PDB file of N, CA and C in Angstrom:
ATOM      1  N   MET A   1      -7.504  -0.142  15.622  1.00  0.00           N
ATOM      2  CA  MET A   1      -6.050  -0.063  15.755  1.00  0.00           C
ATOM      3  C   MET A   1      -5.583  -1.181  16.688  1.00  0.00           C
ATOM      4  N   ASN A   2      -4.476  -1.768  16.320  1.00  0.00           N
ATOM      5  CA  ASN A   2      -3.891  -2.863  17.080  1.00  0.00           C
ATOM      6  C   ASN A   2      -2.965  -2.316  18.170  1.00  0.00           C
ATOM      7  N   LEU A   3      -3.267  -2.640  19.433  1.00  0.00           N
ATOM      8  CA  LEU A   3      -2.438  -2.233  20.572  1.00  0.00           C
ATOM      9  C   LEU A   3      -2.234  -3.439  21.493  1.00  0.00           C
ATOM     10  N   PRO A   4      -1.210  -4.246  21.249  1.00  0.00           N
ATOM     11  CA  PRO A   4      -0.975  -5.399  22.115  1.00  0.00           C
ATOM     12  C   PRO A   4      -0.832  -4.989  23.587  1.00  0.00           C
ATOM     13  N   GLN A   5      -1.520  -5.711  24.447  1.00  0.00           N
ATOM     14  CA  GLN A   5      -1.534  -5.407  25.877  1.00  0.00           C
ATOM     15  C   GLN A   5      -0.195  -5.690  26.562  1.00  0.00           C
ATOM     16  N   ASP A   6       0.611  -6.594  25.986  1.00  0.00           N
ATOM     17  CA  ASP A   6       1.865  -6.980  26.630  1.00  0.00           C
ATOM     18  C   ASP A   6       3.026  -6.039  26.321  1.00  0.00           C
ATOM     19  N   LEU A   7       2.782  -5.025  25.507  1.00  0.00           N
ATOM     20  CA  LEU A   7       3.821  -4.061  25.170  1.00  0.00           C
ATOM     21  C   LEU A   7       3.645  -2.792  25.993  1.00  0.00           C
ATOM     22  N   ARG A   8       4.675  -1.962  25.998  1.00  0.00           N
ATOM     23  CA  ARG A   8       4.612  -0.635  26.599  1.00  0.00           C
ATOM     24  C   ARG A   8       4.842   0.374  25.483  1.00  0.00           C
ATOM     25  N   TYR A   9       4.442   1.612  25.720  1.00  0.00           N
ATOM     26  CA  TYR A   9       4.406   2.623  24.667  1.00  0.00           C
ATOM     27  C   TYR A   9       4.977   3.945  25.168  1.00  0.00           C
ATOM     28  N   THR A  10       5.321   4.824  24.196  1.00  0.00           N
ATOM     29  CA  THR A  10       5.805   6.162  24.537  1.00  0.00           C
ATOM     30  C   THR A  10       4.879   7.203  23.916  1.00  0.00           C
ATOM     31  N   LYS A  11       4.971   8.417  24.429  1.00  0.00           N
ATOM     32  CA  LYS A  11       4.187   9.514  23.861  1.00  0.00           C
ATOM     33  C   LYS A  11       4.661   9.852  22.453  1.00  0.00           C
ATOM     34  N   ASP A  12       5.870   9.399  22.086  1.00  0.00           N
ATOM     35  CA  ASP A  12       6.421   9.633  20.752  1.00  0.00           C
ATOM     36  C   ASP A  12       6.075   8.513  19.772  1.00  0.00           C
ATOM     37  N   HIS A  13       5.187   7.582  20.191  1.00  0.00           N
ATOM     38  CA  HIS A  13       4.636   6.531  19.331  1.00  0.00           C
ATOM     39  C   HIS A  13       5.584   5.368  19.048  1.00  0.00           C
ATOM     40  N   GLU A  14       6.509   5.116  19.981  1.00  0.00           N
ATOM     41  CA  GLU A  14       7.299   3.897  19.913  1.00  0.00           C
ATOM     42  C   GLU A  14       6.669   2.859  20.829  1.00  0.00           C
ATOM     43  N   TRP A  15       6.849   1.586  20.480  1.00  0.00           N
ATOM     44  CA  TRP A  15       6.436   0.501  21.365  1.00  0.00           C
ATOM     45  C   TRP A  15       7.694  -0.203  21.871  1.00  0.00           C
ATOM     46  N   VAL A  16       7.553  -0.880  23.014  1.00  0.00           N
ATOM     47  CA  VAL A  16       8.676  -1.573  23.644  1.00  0.00           C
ATOM     48  C   VAL A  16       8.206  -2.950  24.116  1.00  0.00           C
ATOM     49  N   ARG A  17       8.935  -3.977  23.716  1.00  0.00           N
ATOM     50  CA  ARG A  17       8.716  -5.318  24.257  1.00  0.00           C
ATOM     51  C   ARG A  17       9.934  -5.664  25.095  1.00  0.00           C
ATOM     52  N   ILE A  18       9.717  -5.855  26.400  1.00  0.00           N
ATOM     53  CA  ILE A  18      10.810  -6.082  27.335  1.00  0.00           C
ATOM     54  C   ILE A  18      10.957  -7.569  27.605  1.00  0.00           C
ATOM     55  N   GLU A  19      12.181  -8.059  27.405  1.00  0.00           N
ATOM     56  CA  GLU A  19      12.518  -9.449  27.686  1.00  0.00           C
ATOM     57  C   GLU A  19      13.751  -9.439  28.576  1.00  0.00           C
ATOM     58  N   GLY A  20      13.524  -9.467  29.894  1.00  0.00           N
ATOM     59  CA  GLY A  20      14.642  -9.372  30.846  1.00  0.00           C
ATOM     60  C   GLY A  20      15.232  -7.980  30.798  1.00  0.00           C
ATOM     61  N   ASP A  21      16.539  -7.890  30.461  1.00  0.00           N
ATOM     62  CA  ASP A  21      17.175  -6.568  30.356  1.00  0.00           C
ATOM     63  C   ASP A  21      17.390  -6.159  28.898  1.00  0.00           C
ATOM     64  N   ILE A  22      16.601  -6.772  28.006  1.00  0.00           N
ATOM     65  CA  ILE A  22      16.635  -6.451  26.577  1.00  0.00           C
ATOM     66  C   ILE A  22      15.270  -5.876  26.180  1.00  0.00           C
ATOM     67  N   ALA A  23      15.302  -4.862  25.331  1.00  0.00           N
ATOM     68  CA  ALA A  23      14.063  -4.266  24.822  1.00  0.00           C
ATOM     69  C   ALA A  23      14.090  -4.278  23.297  1.00  0.00           C
ATOM     70  N   TYR A  24      12.989  -4.729  22.719  1.00  0.00           N
ATOM     71  CA  TYR A  24      12.774  -4.588  21.280  1.00  0.00           C
ATOM     72  C   TYR A  24      11.925  -3.336  21.099  1.00  0.00           C
ATOM     73  N   VAL A  25      12.276  -2.523  20.102  1.00  0.00           N
ATOM     74  CA  VAL A  25      11.625  -1.228  19.910  1.00  0.00           C
ATOM     75  C   VAL A  25      11.186  -1.085  18.458  1.00  0.00           C
ATOM     76  N   GLY A  26       9.997  -0.529  18.276  1.00  0.00           N
ATOM     77  CA  GLY A  26       9.501  -0.209  16.941  1.00  0.00           C
ATOM     78  C   GLY A  26       8.523   0.946  17.047  1.00  0.00           C
ATOM     79  N   ILE A  27       7.847   1.258  15.946  1.00  0.00           N
ATOM     80  CA  ILE A  27       6.818   2.297  16.002  1.00  0.00           C
ATOM     81  C   ILE A  27       5.448   1.633  16.018  1.00  0.00           C
ATOM     82  N   THR A  28       4.509   2.320  16.608  1.00  0.00           N
ATOM     83  CA  THR A  28       3.172   1.763  16.802  1.00  0.00           C
ATOM     84  C   THR A  28       2.383   1.687  15.495  1.00  0.00           C
ATOM     85  N   ASP A  29       1.334   0.893  15.556  1.00  0.00           N
ATOM     86  CA  ASP A  29       0.401   0.781  14.436  1.00  0.00           C
ATOM     87  C   ASP A  29      -0.172   2.157  14.110  1.00  0.00           C
ATOM     88  N   PHE A  30      -0.490   2.933  15.139  1.00  0.00           N
ATOM     89  CA  PHE A  30      -1.004   4.296  14.947  1.00  0.00           C
ATOM     90  C   PHE A  30       0.020   5.137  14.177  1.00  0.00           C
ATOM     91  N   ALA A  31       1.286   5.079  14.591  1.00  0.00           N
ATOM     92  CA  ALA A  31       2.325   5.894  13.952  1.00  0.00           C
ATOM     93  C   ALA A  31       2.508   5.514  12.487  1.00  0.00           C
ATOM     94  N   GLN A  32       2.576   4.209  12.209  1.00  0.00           N
ATOM     95  CA  GLN A  32       2.793   3.811  10.819  1.00  0.00           C
ATOM     96  C   GLN A  32       1.601   4.197   9.943  1.00  0.00           C
ATOM     97  N   SER A  33       0.381   4.143  10.514  1.00  0.00           N
ATOM     98  CA  SER A  33      -0.786   4.523   9.716  1.00  0.00           C
ATOM     99  C   SER A  33      -0.808   6.027   9.449  1.00  0.00           C
ATOM    100  N   GLU A  34      -0.333   6.813  10.405  1.00  0.00           N
ATOM    101  CA  GLU A  34      -0.259   8.269  10.223  1.00  0.00           C
ATOM    102  C   GLU A  34       0.819   8.638   9.198  1.00  0.00           C
ATOM    103  N   LEU A  35       1.942   7.906   9.213  1.00  0.00           N
ATOM    104  CA  LEU A  35       3.039   8.200   8.293  1.00  0.00           C
ATOM    105  C   LEU A  35       2.714   7.786   6.864  1.00  0.00           C
ATOM    106  N   GLY A  36       1.990   6.710   6.695  1.00  0.00           N
ATOM    107  CA  GLY A  36       1.724   6.176   5.362  1.00  0.00           C
ATOM    108  C   GLY A  36       2.786   5.159   4.985  1.00  0.00           C
ATOM    109  N   ASP A  37       2.945   4.936   3.699  1.00  0.00           N
ATOM    110  CA  ASP A  37       3.855   3.895   3.225  1.00  0.00           C
ATOM    111  C   ASP A  37       5.308   4.210   3.577  1.00  0.00           C
ATOM    112  N   ILE A  38       5.916   3.325   4.356  1.00  0.00           N
ATOM    113  CA  ILE A  38       7.316   3.475   4.760  1.00  0.00           C
ATOM    114  C   ILE A  38       8.196   3.018   3.604  1.00  0.00           C
ATOM    115  N   VAL A  39       9.136   3.882   3.191  1.00  0.00           N
ATOM    116  CA  VAL A  39      10.003   3.547   2.067  1.00  0.00           C
ATOM    117  C   VAL A  39      11.466   3.356   2.480  1.00  0.00           C
ATOM    118  N   TYR A  40      11.839   3.818   3.693  1.00  0.00           N
ATOM    119  CA  TYR A  40      13.234   3.697   4.112  1.00  0.00           C
ATOM    120  C   TYR A  40      13.320   3.861   5.621  1.00  0.00           C
ATOM    121  N   VAL A  41      14.143   3.033   6.246  1.00  0.00           N
ATOM    122  CA  VAL A  41      14.428   3.151   7.669  1.00  0.00           C
ATOM    123  C   VAL A  41      15.929   3.355   7.803  1.00  0.00           C
ATOM    124  N   ASP A  42      16.348   4.446   8.448  1.00  0.00           N
ATOM    125  CA  ASP A  42      17.766   4.786   8.588  1.00  0.00           C
ATOM    126  C   ASP A  42      18.146   4.785  10.063  1.00  0.00           C
ATOM    127  N   ILE A  43      18.864   3.739  10.464  1.00  0.00           N
ATOM    128  CA  ILE A  43      19.319   3.625  11.853  1.00  0.00           C
ATOM    129  C   ILE A  43      20.814   3.336  11.828  1.00  0.00           C
ATOM    130  N   ASP A  44      21.604   4.260  12.369  1.00  0.00           N
ATOM    131  CA  ASP A  44      23.059   4.086  12.359  1.00  0.00           C
ATOM    132  C   ASP A  44      23.635   4.069  13.772  1.00  0.00           C
ATOM    133  N   THR A  45      22.825   3.622  14.725  1.00  0.00           N
ATOM    134  CA  THR A  45      23.259   3.656  16.129  1.00  0.00           C
ATOM    135  C   THR A  45      23.652   2.283  16.678  1.00  0.00           C
ATOM    136  N   GLN A  46      23.804   1.278  15.800  1.00  0.00           N
ATOM    137  CA  GLN A  46      24.191  -0.043  16.305  1.00  0.00           C
ATOM    138  C   GLN A  46      25.513   0.048  17.054  1.00  0.00           C
ATOM    139  N   ASP A  47      25.570  -0.659  18.186  1.00  0.00           N
ATOM    140  CA  ASP A  47      26.744  -0.687  19.082  1.00  0.00           C
ATOM    141  C   ASP A  47      26.998   0.659  19.751  1.00  0.00           C
ATOM    142  N   LYS A  48      26.010   1.553  19.736  1.00  0.00           N
ATOM    143  CA  LYS A  48      26.167   2.865  20.359  1.00  0.00           C
ATOM    144  C   LYS A  48      25.207   3.005  21.534  1.00  0.00           C
ATOM    145  N   GLN A  49      25.611   3.815  22.485  1.00  0.00           N
ATOM    146  CA  GLN A  49      24.793   4.160  23.637  1.00  0.00           C
ATOM    147  C   GLN A  49      23.799   5.240  23.210  1.00  0.00           C
ATOM    148  N   VAL A  50      22.519   5.047  23.561  1.00  0.00           N
ATOM    149  CA  VAL A  50      21.516   6.081  23.332  1.00  0.00           C
ATOM    150  C   VAL A  50      20.822   6.376  24.650  1.00  0.00           C
ATOM    151  N   ASN A  51      20.493   7.622  24.857  1.00  0.00           N
ATOM    152  CA  ASN A  51      19.786   8.023  26.070  1.00  0.00           C
ATOM    153  C   ASN A  51      18.290   8.028  25.823  1.00  0.00           C
ATOM    154  N   LYS A  52      17.545   7.891  26.888  1.00  0.00           N
ATOM    155  CA  LYS A  52      16.094   7.954  26.786  1.00  0.00           C
ATOM    156  C   LYS A  52      15.701   9.250  26.090  1.00  0.00           C
ATOM    157  N   GLU A  53      14.773   9.143  25.132  1.00  0.00           N
ATOM    158  CA  GLU A  53      14.232  10.247  24.345  1.00  0.00           C
ATOM    159  C   GLU A  53      15.225  10.844  23.346  1.00  0.00           C
ATOM    160  N   GLU A  54      16.385  10.204  23.167  1.00  0.00           N
ATOM    161  CA  GLU A  54      17.356  10.623  22.158  1.00  0.00           C
ATOM    162  C   GLU A  54      16.994   9.969  20.820  1.00  0.00           C
ATOM    163  N   VAL A  55      17.266  10.659  19.722  1.00  0.00           N
ATOM    164  CA  VAL A  55      16.992  10.120  18.391  1.00  0.00           C
ATOM    165  C   VAL A  55      17.950   8.963  18.108  1.00  0.00           C
ATOM    166  N   PHE A  56      17.379   7.808  17.714  1.00  0.00           N
ATOM    167  CA  PHE A  56      18.228   6.671  17.353  1.00  0.00           C
ATOM    168  C   PHE A  56      18.195   6.367  15.866  1.00  0.00           C
ATOM    169  N   GLY A  57      17.361   7.076  15.117  1.00  0.00           N
ATOM    170  CA  GLY A  57      17.274   6.877  13.678  1.00  0.00           C
ATOM    171  C   GLY A  57      16.116   7.665  13.109  1.00  0.00           C
ATOM    172  N   THR A  58      15.833   7.417  11.831  1.00  0.00           N
ATOM    173  CA  THR A  58      14.700   8.063  11.178  1.00  0.00           C
ATOM    174  C   THR A  58      13.959   7.037  10.337  1.00  0.00           C
ATOM    175  N   VAL A  59      12.704   7.342  10.108  1.00  0.00           N
ATOM    176  CA  VAL A  59      11.881   6.538   9.216  1.00  0.00           C
ATOM    177  C   VAL A  59      11.342   7.485   8.148  1.00  0.00           C
ATOM    178  N   GLU A  60      11.463   7.024   6.889  1.00  0.00           N
ATOM    179  CA  GLU A  60      11.032   7.861   5.772  1.00  0.00           C
ATOM    180  C   GLU A  60       9.800   7.240   5.128  1.00  0.00           C
ATOM    181  N   ALA A  61       8.770   8.045   5.047  1.00  0.00           N
ATOM    182  CA  ALA A  61       7.550   7.647   4.348  1.00  0.00           C
ATOM    183  C   ALA A  61       7.486   8.430   3.039  1.00  0.00           C
ATOM    184  N   VAL A  62       6.507   8.134   2.236  1.00  0.00           N
ATOM    185  CA  VAL A  62       6.387   8.797   0.938  1.00  0.00           C
ATOM    186  C   VAL A  62       6.334  10.316   1.096  1.00  0.00           C
ATOM    187  N   LYS A  63       5.642  10.797   2.138  1.00  0.00           N
ATOM    188  CA  LYS A  63       5.414  12.237   2.272  1.00  0.00           C
ATOM    189  C   LYS A  63       6.285  12.933   3.317  1.00  0.00           C
ATOM    190  N   THR A  64       6.979  12.181   4.194  1.00  0.00           N
ATOM    191  CA  THR A  64       7.669  12.823   5.300  1.00  0.00           C
ATOM    192  C   THR A  64       8.800  11.957   5.846  1.00  0.00           C
ATOM    193  N   VAL A  65       9.664  12.575   6.630  1.00  0.00           N
ATOM    194  CA  VAL A  65      10.702  11.863   7.382  1.00  0.00           C
ATOM    195  C   VAL A  65      10.447  12.156   8.851  1.00  0.00           C
ATOM    196  N   SER A  66      10.508  11.115   9.676  1.00  0.00           N
ATOM    197  CA  SER A  66      10.212  11.278  11.091  1.00  0.00           C
ATOM    198  C   SER A  66      11.333  10.688  11.931  1.00  0.00           C
ATOM    199  N   ASP A  67      11.717  11.394  12.998  1.00  0.00           N
ATOM    200  CA  ASP A  67      12.729  10.886  13.922  1.00  0.00           C
ATOM    201  C   ASP A  67      12.167   9.738  14.745  1.00  0.00           C
ATOM    202  N   LEU A  68      13.059   8.840  15.145  1.00  0.00           N
ATOM    203  CA  LEU A  68      12.736   7.739  16.046  1.00  0.00           C
ATOM    204  C   LEU A  68      13.422   8.018  17.373  1.00  0.00           C
ATOM    205  N   PHE A  69      12.662   7.968  18.468  1.00  0.00           N
ATOM    206  CA  PHE A  69      13.190   8.308  19.783  1.00  0.00           C
ATOM    207  C   PHE A  69      13.323   7.067  20.648  1.00  0.00           C
ATOM    208  N   SER A  70      14.461   6.948  21.307  1.00  0.00           N
ATOM    209  CA  SER A  70      14.676   5.798  22.177  1.00  0.00           C
ATOM    210  C   SER A  70      13.785   5.904  23.411  1.00  0.00           C
ATOM    211  N   PRO A  71      13.034   4.850  23.712  1.00  0.00           N
ATOM    212  CA  PRO A  71      12.164   4.886  24.885  1.00  0.00           C
ATOM    213  C   PRO A  71      12.912   4.673  26.197  1.00  0.00           C
ATOM    214  N   LEU A  72      14.151   4.170  26.097  1.00  0.00           N
ATOM    215  CA  LEU A  72      14.945   3.841  27.276  1.00  0.00           C
ATOM    216  C   LEU A  72      16.413   4.155  27.001  1.00  0.00           C
ATOM    217  N   THR A  73      17.201   4.275  28.070  1.00  0.00           N
ATOM    218  CA  THR A  73      18.640   4.434  27.942  1.00  0.00           C
ATOM    219  C   THR A  73      19.273   3.059  27.808  1.00  0.00           C
ATOM    220  N   GLY A  74      20.186   2.926  26.850  1.00  0.00           N
ATOM    221  CA  GLY A  74      20.860   1.646  26.680  1.00  0.00           C
ATOM    222  C   GLY A  74      21.738   1.631  25.447  1.00  0.00           C
ATOM    223  N   THR A  75      22.238   0.434  25.134  1.00  0.00           N
ATOM    224  CA  THR A  75      23.104   0.236  23.983  1.00  0.00           C
ATOM    225  C   THR A  75      22.338  -0.517  22.904  1.00  0.00           C
ATOM    226  N   VAL A  76      22.390   0.000  21.679  1.00  0.00           N
ATOM    227  CA  VAL A  76      21.725  -0.660  20.558  1.00  0.00           C
ATOM    228  C   VAL A  76      22.547  -1.895  20.181  1.00  0.00           C
ATOM    229  N   LEU A  77      21.982  -3.067  20.432  1.00  0.00           N
ATOM    230  CA  LEU A  77      22.669  -4.319  20.154  1.00  0.00           C
ATOM    231  C   LEU A  77      22.504  -4.764  18.712  1.00  0.00           C
ATOM    232  N   GLU A  78      21.345  -4.450  18.146  1.00  0.00           N
ATOM    233  CA  GLU A  78      21.034  -4.939  16.806  1.00  0.00           C
ATOM    234  C   GLU A  78      20.021  -4.019  16.146  1.00  0.00           C
ATOM    235  N   VAL A  79      20.175  -3.852  14.847  1.00  0.00           N
ATOM    236  CA  VAL A  79      19.193  -3.166  14.020  1.00  0.00           C
ATOM    237  C   VAL A  79      18.564  -4.245  13.148  1.00  0.00           C
ATOM    238  N   ASN A  80      17.246  -4.231  13.024  1.00  0.00           N
ATOM    239  CA  ASN A  80      16.550  -5.260  12.257  1.00  0.00           C
ATOM    240  C   ASN A  80      17.059  -5.270  10.811  1.00  0.00           C
ATOM    241  N   PRO A  81      17.776  -6.325  10.412  1.00  0.00           N
ATOM    242  CA  PRO A  81      18.343  -6.358   9.062  1.00  0.00           C
ATOM    243  C   PRO A  81      17.291  -6.486   7.966  1.00  0.00           C
ATOM    244  N   LYS A  82      16.114  -6.990   8.287  1.00  0.00           N
ATOM    245  CA  LYS A  82      15.054  -7.155   7.285  1.00  0.00           C
ATOM    246  C   LYS A  82      14.561  -5.817   6.746  1.00  0.00           C
ATOM    247  N   LEU A  83      14.722  -4.749   7.540  1.00  0.00           N
ATOM    248  CA  LEU A  83      14.192  -3.447   7.126  1.00  0.00           C
ATOM    249  C   LEU A  83      15.001  -2.815   5.993  1.00  0.00           C
ATOM    250  N   ASP A  84      16.253  -3.292   5.779  1.00  0.00           N
ATOM    251  CA  ASP A  84      17.057  -2.754   4.675  1.00  0.00           C
ATOM    252  C   ASP A  84      16.373  -3.015   3.338  1.00  0.00           C
ATOM    253  N   SER A  85      15.913  -4.236   3.146  1.00  0.00           N
ATOM    254  CA  SER A  85      15.303  -4.583   1.863  1.00  0.00           C
ATOM    255  C   SER A  85      13.780  -4.580   1.905  1.00  0.00           C
ATOM    256  N   ASN A  86      13.202  -4.560   3.113  1.00  0.00           N
ATOM    257  CA  ASN A  86      11.739  -4.587   3.254  1.00  0.00           C
ATOM    258  C   ASN A  86      11.245  -3.573   4.293  1.00  0.00           C
ATOM    259  N   PRO A  87      11.441  -2.267   4.058  1.00  0.00           N
ATOM    260  CA  PRO A  87      10.989  -1.284   5.044  1.00  0.00           C
ATOM    261  C   PRO A  87       9.479  -1.311   5.252  1.00  0.00           C
ATOM    262  N   GLU A  88       8.745  -1.850   4.264  1.00  0.00           N
ATOM    263  CA  GLU A  88       7.286  -1.918   4.372  1.00  0.00           C
ATOM    264  C   GLU A  88       6.830  -2.869   5.474  1.00  0.00           C
ATOM    265  N   LEU A  89       7.738  -3.670   6.051  1.00  0.00           N
ATOM    266  CA  LEU A  89       7.381  -4.509   7.200  1.00  0.00           C
ATOM    267  C   LEU A  89       6.895  -3.661   8.370  1.00  0.00           C
ATOM    268  N   VAL A  90       7.370  -2.417   8.445  1.00  0.00           N
ATOM    269  CA  VAL A  90       6.916  -1.505   9.499  1.00  0.00           C
ATOM    270  C   VAL A  90       5.420  -1.247   9.341  1.00  0.00           C
ATOM    271  N   ASN A  91       4.930  -1.174   8.104  1.00  0.00           N
ATOM    272  CA  ASN A  91       3.504  -0.986   7.843  1.00  0.00           C
ATOM    273  C   ASN A  91       2.718  -2.276   8.056  1.00  0.00           C
ATOM    274  N   SER A  92       3.208  -3.378   7.517  1.00  0.00           N
ATOM    275  CA  SER A  92       2.423  -4.610   7.513  1.00  0.00           C
ATOM    276  C   SER A  92       2.480  -5.385   8.823  1.00  0.00           C
ATOM    277  N   ASP A  93       3.561  -5.251   9.589  1.00  0.00           N
ATOM    278  CA  ASP A  93       3.724  -6.020  10.826  1.00  0.00           C
ATOM    279  C   ASP A  93       4.513  -5.206  11.851  1.00  0.00           C
ATOM    280  N   PRO A  94       3.954  -4.051  12.290  1.00  0.00           N
ATOM    281  CA  PRO A  94       4.733  -3.142  13.148  1.00  0.00           C
ATOM    282  C   PRO A  94       5.186  -3.758  14.465  1.00  0.00           C
ATOM    283  N   TYR A  95       4.416  -4.709  15.014  1.00  0.00           N
ATOM    284  CA  TYR A  95       4.756  -5.292  16.314  1.00  0.00           C
ATOM    285  C   TYR A  95       5.497  -6.615  16.196  1.00  0.00           C
ATOM    286  N   GLY A  96       5.711  -7.078  14.977  1.00  0.00           N
ATOM    287  CA  GLY A  96       6.380  -8.358  14.757  1.00  0.00           C
ATOM    288  C   GLY A  96       7.662  -8.153  13.974  1.00  0.00           C
ATOM    289  N   GLN A  97       7.618  -8.529  12.682  1.00  0.00           N
ATOM    290  CA  GLN A  97       8.811  -8.439  11.842  1.00  0.00           C
ATOM    291  C   GLN A  97       9.244  -7.010  11.552  1.00  0.00           C
ATOM    292  N   GLY A  98       8.406  -6.027  11.887  1.00  0.00           N
ATOM    293  CA  GLY A  98       8.745  -4.625  11.655  1.00  0.00           C
ATOM    294  C   GLY A  98       9.452  -3.955  12.821  1.00  0.00           C
ATOM    295  N   TRP A  99       9.948  -4.747  13.805  1.00  0.00           N
ATOM    296  CA  TRP A  99      10.701  -4.140  14.913  1.00  0.00           C
ATOM    297  C   TRP A  99      11.941  -3.436  14.348  1.00  0.00           C
ATOM    298  N   MET A 100      12.457  -2.454  15.085  1.00  0.00           N
ATOM    299  CA  MET A 100      13.550  -1.646  14.556  1.00  0.00           C
ATOM    300  C   MET A 100      14.886  -1.898  15.232  1.00  0.00           C
ATOM    301  N   ILE A 101      14.910  -1.848  16.576  1.00  0.00           N
ATOM    302  CA  ILE A 101      16.173  -2.081  17.279  1.00  0.00           C
ATOM    303  C   ILE A 101      15.983  -3.019  18.462  1.00  0.00           C
ATOM    304  N   LYS A 102      17.081  -3.656  18.818  1.00  0.00           N
ATOM    305  CA  LYS A 102      17.176  -4.463  20.031  1.00  0.00           C
ATOM    306  C   LYS A 102      18.145  -3.709  20.937  1.00  0.00           C
ATOM    307  N   LEU A 103      17.697  -3.385  22.142  1.00  0.00           N
ATOM    308  CA  LEU A 103      18.410  -2.473  23.039  1.00  0.00           C
ATOM    309  C   LEU A 103      18.726  -3.161  24.360  1.00  0.00           C
ATOM    310  N   ALA A 104      19.979  -3.071  24.804  1.00  0.00           N
ATOM    311  CA  ALA A 104      20.346  -3.529  26.146  1.00  0.00           C
ATOM    312  C   ALA A 104      19.990  -2.398  27.111  1.00  0.00           C
ATOM    313  N   ILE A 105      19.066  -2.668  28.035  1.00  0.00           N
ATOM    314  CA  ILE A 105      18.563  -1.636  28.946  1.00  0.00           C
ATOM    315  C   ILE A 105      19.587  -1.343  30.040  1.00  0.00           C
ATOM    316  N   ASP A 106      19.961  -0.063  30.191  1.00  0.00           N
ATOM    317  CA  ASP A 106      20.895   0.336  31.244  1.00  0.00           C
ATOM    318  C   ASP A 106      20.204   0.539  32.585  1.00  0.00           C
ATOM    319  N   ASN A 107      19.005   1.114  32.549  1.00  0.00           N
ATOM    320  CA  ASN A 107      18.314   1.481  33.784  1.00  0.00           C
ATOM    321  C   ASN A 107      16.884   0.942  33.722  1.00  0.00           C
ATOM    322  N   THR A 108      16.664  -0.233  34.314  1.00  0.00           N
ATOM    323  CA  THR A 108      15.346  -0.865  34.208  1.00  0.00           C
ATOM    324  C   THR A 108      14.250  -0.055  34.891  1.00  0.00           C
ATOM    325  N   SER A 109      14.605   0.856  35.802  1.00  0.00           N
ATOM    326  CA  SER A 109      13.567   1.665  36.449  1.00  0.00           C
ATOM    327  C   SER A 109      12.881   2.589  35.442  1.00  0.00           C
ATOM    328  N   GLU A 110      13.534   2.908  34.325  1.00  0.00           N
ATOM    329  CA  GLU A 110      12.913   3.750  33.292  1.00  0.00           C
ATOM    330  C   GLU A 110      11.689   3.075  32.685  1.00  0.00           C
ATOM    331  N   THR A 111      11.627   1.749  32.730  1.00  0.00           N
ATOM    332  CA  THR A 111      10.500   1.046  32.131  1.00  0.00           C
ATOM    333  C   THR A 111       9.189   1.393  32.832  1.00  0.00           C
ATOM    334  N   GLU A 112       9.277   1.800  34.099  1.00  0.00           N
ATOM    335  CA  GLU A 112       8.078   2.156  34.852  1.00  0.00           C
ATOM    336  C   GLU A 112       7.416   3.423  34.319  1.00  0.00           C
ATOM    337  N   GLU A 113       8.156   4.231  33.554  1.00  0.00           N
ATOM    338  CA  GLU A 113       7.627   5.478  33.010  1.00  0.00           C
ATOM    339  C   GLU A 113       6.909   5.273  31.670  1.00  0.00           C
ATOM    340  N   LEU A 114       7.025   4.076  31.093  1.00  0.00           N
ATOM    341  CA  LEU A 114       6.381   3.796  29.806  1.00  0.00           C
ATOM    342  C   LEU A 114       4.875   3.666  29.987  1.00  0.00           C
ATOM    343  N   LEU A 115       4.132   3.941  28.914  1.00  0.00           N
ATOM    344  CA  LEU A 115       2.676   3.899  28.958  1.00  0.00           C
ATOM    345  C   LEU A 115       2.151   2.482  28.769  1.00  0.00           C
ATOM    346  N   THR A 116       1.042   2.184  29.414  1.00  0.00           N
ATOM    347  CA  THR A 116       0.332   0.936  29.148  1.00  0.00           C
ATOM    348  C   THR A 116      -0.433   1.101  27.833  1.00  0.00           C
ATOM    349  N   ALA A 117      -0.958  -0.006  27.313  1.00  0.00           N
ATOM    350  CA  ALA A 117      -1.759   0.065  26.093  1.00  0.00           C
ATOM    351  C   ALA A 117      -2.962   0.983  26.296  1.00  0.00           C
ATOM    352  N   GLU A 118      -3.578   0.913  27.467  1.00  0.00           N
ATOM    353  CA  GLU A 118      -4.746   1.754  27.750  1.00  0.00           C
ATOM    354  C   GLU A 118      -4.376   3.233  27.765  1.00  0.00           C
ATOM    355  N   ALA A 119      -3.259   3.557  28.407  1.00  0.00           N
ATOM    356  CA  ALA A 119      -2.831   4.954  28.483  1.00  0.00           C
ATOM    357  C   ALA A 119      -2.439   5.486  27.094  1.00  0.00           C
ATOM    358  N   TYR A 120      -1.806   4.640  26.291  1.00  0.00           N
ATOM    359  CA  TYR A 120      -1.449   5.063  24.929  1.00  0.00           C
ATOM    360  C   TYR A 120      -2.687   5.267  24.076  1.00  0.00           C
ATOM    361  N   ALA A 121      -3.652   4.365  24.201  1.00  0.00           N
ATOM    362  CA  ALA A 121      -4.907   4.492  23.444  1.00  0.00           C
ATOM    363  C   ALA A 121      -5.594   5.817  23.783  1.00  0.00           C
ATOM    364  N   GLU A 122      -5.574   6.177  25.068  1.00  0.00           N
ATOM    365  CA  GLU A 122      -6.161   7.446  25.494  1.00  0.00           C
ATOM    366  C   GLU A 122      -5.403   8.627  24.898  1.00  0.00           C
ATOM    367  N   LEU A 123      -4.070   8.515  24.855  1.00  0.00           N
ATOM    368  CA  LEU A 123      -3.227   9.565  24.307  1.00  0.00           C
ATOM    369  C   LEU A 123      -3.556   9.846  22.838  1.00  0.00           C
ATOM    370  N   VAL A 124      -3.758   8.768  22.061  1.00  0.00           N
ATOM    371  CA  VAL A 124      -4.011   8.955  20.624  1.00  0.00           C
ATOM    372  C   VAL A 124      -5.497   9.039  20.298  1.00  0.00           C
ATOM    373  N   GLY A 125      -6.338   8.929  21.321  1.00  0.00           N
ATOM    374  CA  GLY A 125      -7.778   9.151  21.133  1.00  0.00           C
ATOM    375  C   GLY A 125      -8.529   8.007  20.504  1.00  0.00           C
ATOM    376  N   VAL A 126      -8.173   6.788  20.879  1.00  0.00           N
ATOM    377  CA  VAL A 126      -8.937   5.628  20.371  1.00  0.00           C
ATOM    378  C   VAL A 126      -9.546   4.844  21.518  1.00  0.00           C
TER     379      VAL A 126
END
């Protein structure tokens, strides 16, 4: 399983790449492999405030629909437009082109609560 060391993770299987006061958010390689083939990503929170651990959208796989939880409090600045026509990017490139939202971080101290790659690996048993 791919777990980039420069990212942070949540117990709900989201990853976070922090660039200053901006966070890119997606689901982990582990999560996408557990879900199977992603067929639709539904995120309607652009330009909206989301709280930490609040649902910001859903991801639909062939067999199930799963909520997406915000790892931090902030405003959704952008939803990845590529996912409208290519939701399978979440499967093929979860940490790259398969990112889901770009979030303006309201409280940077929340980032300290995110898991390291090692802690996430332990959580999922790899």
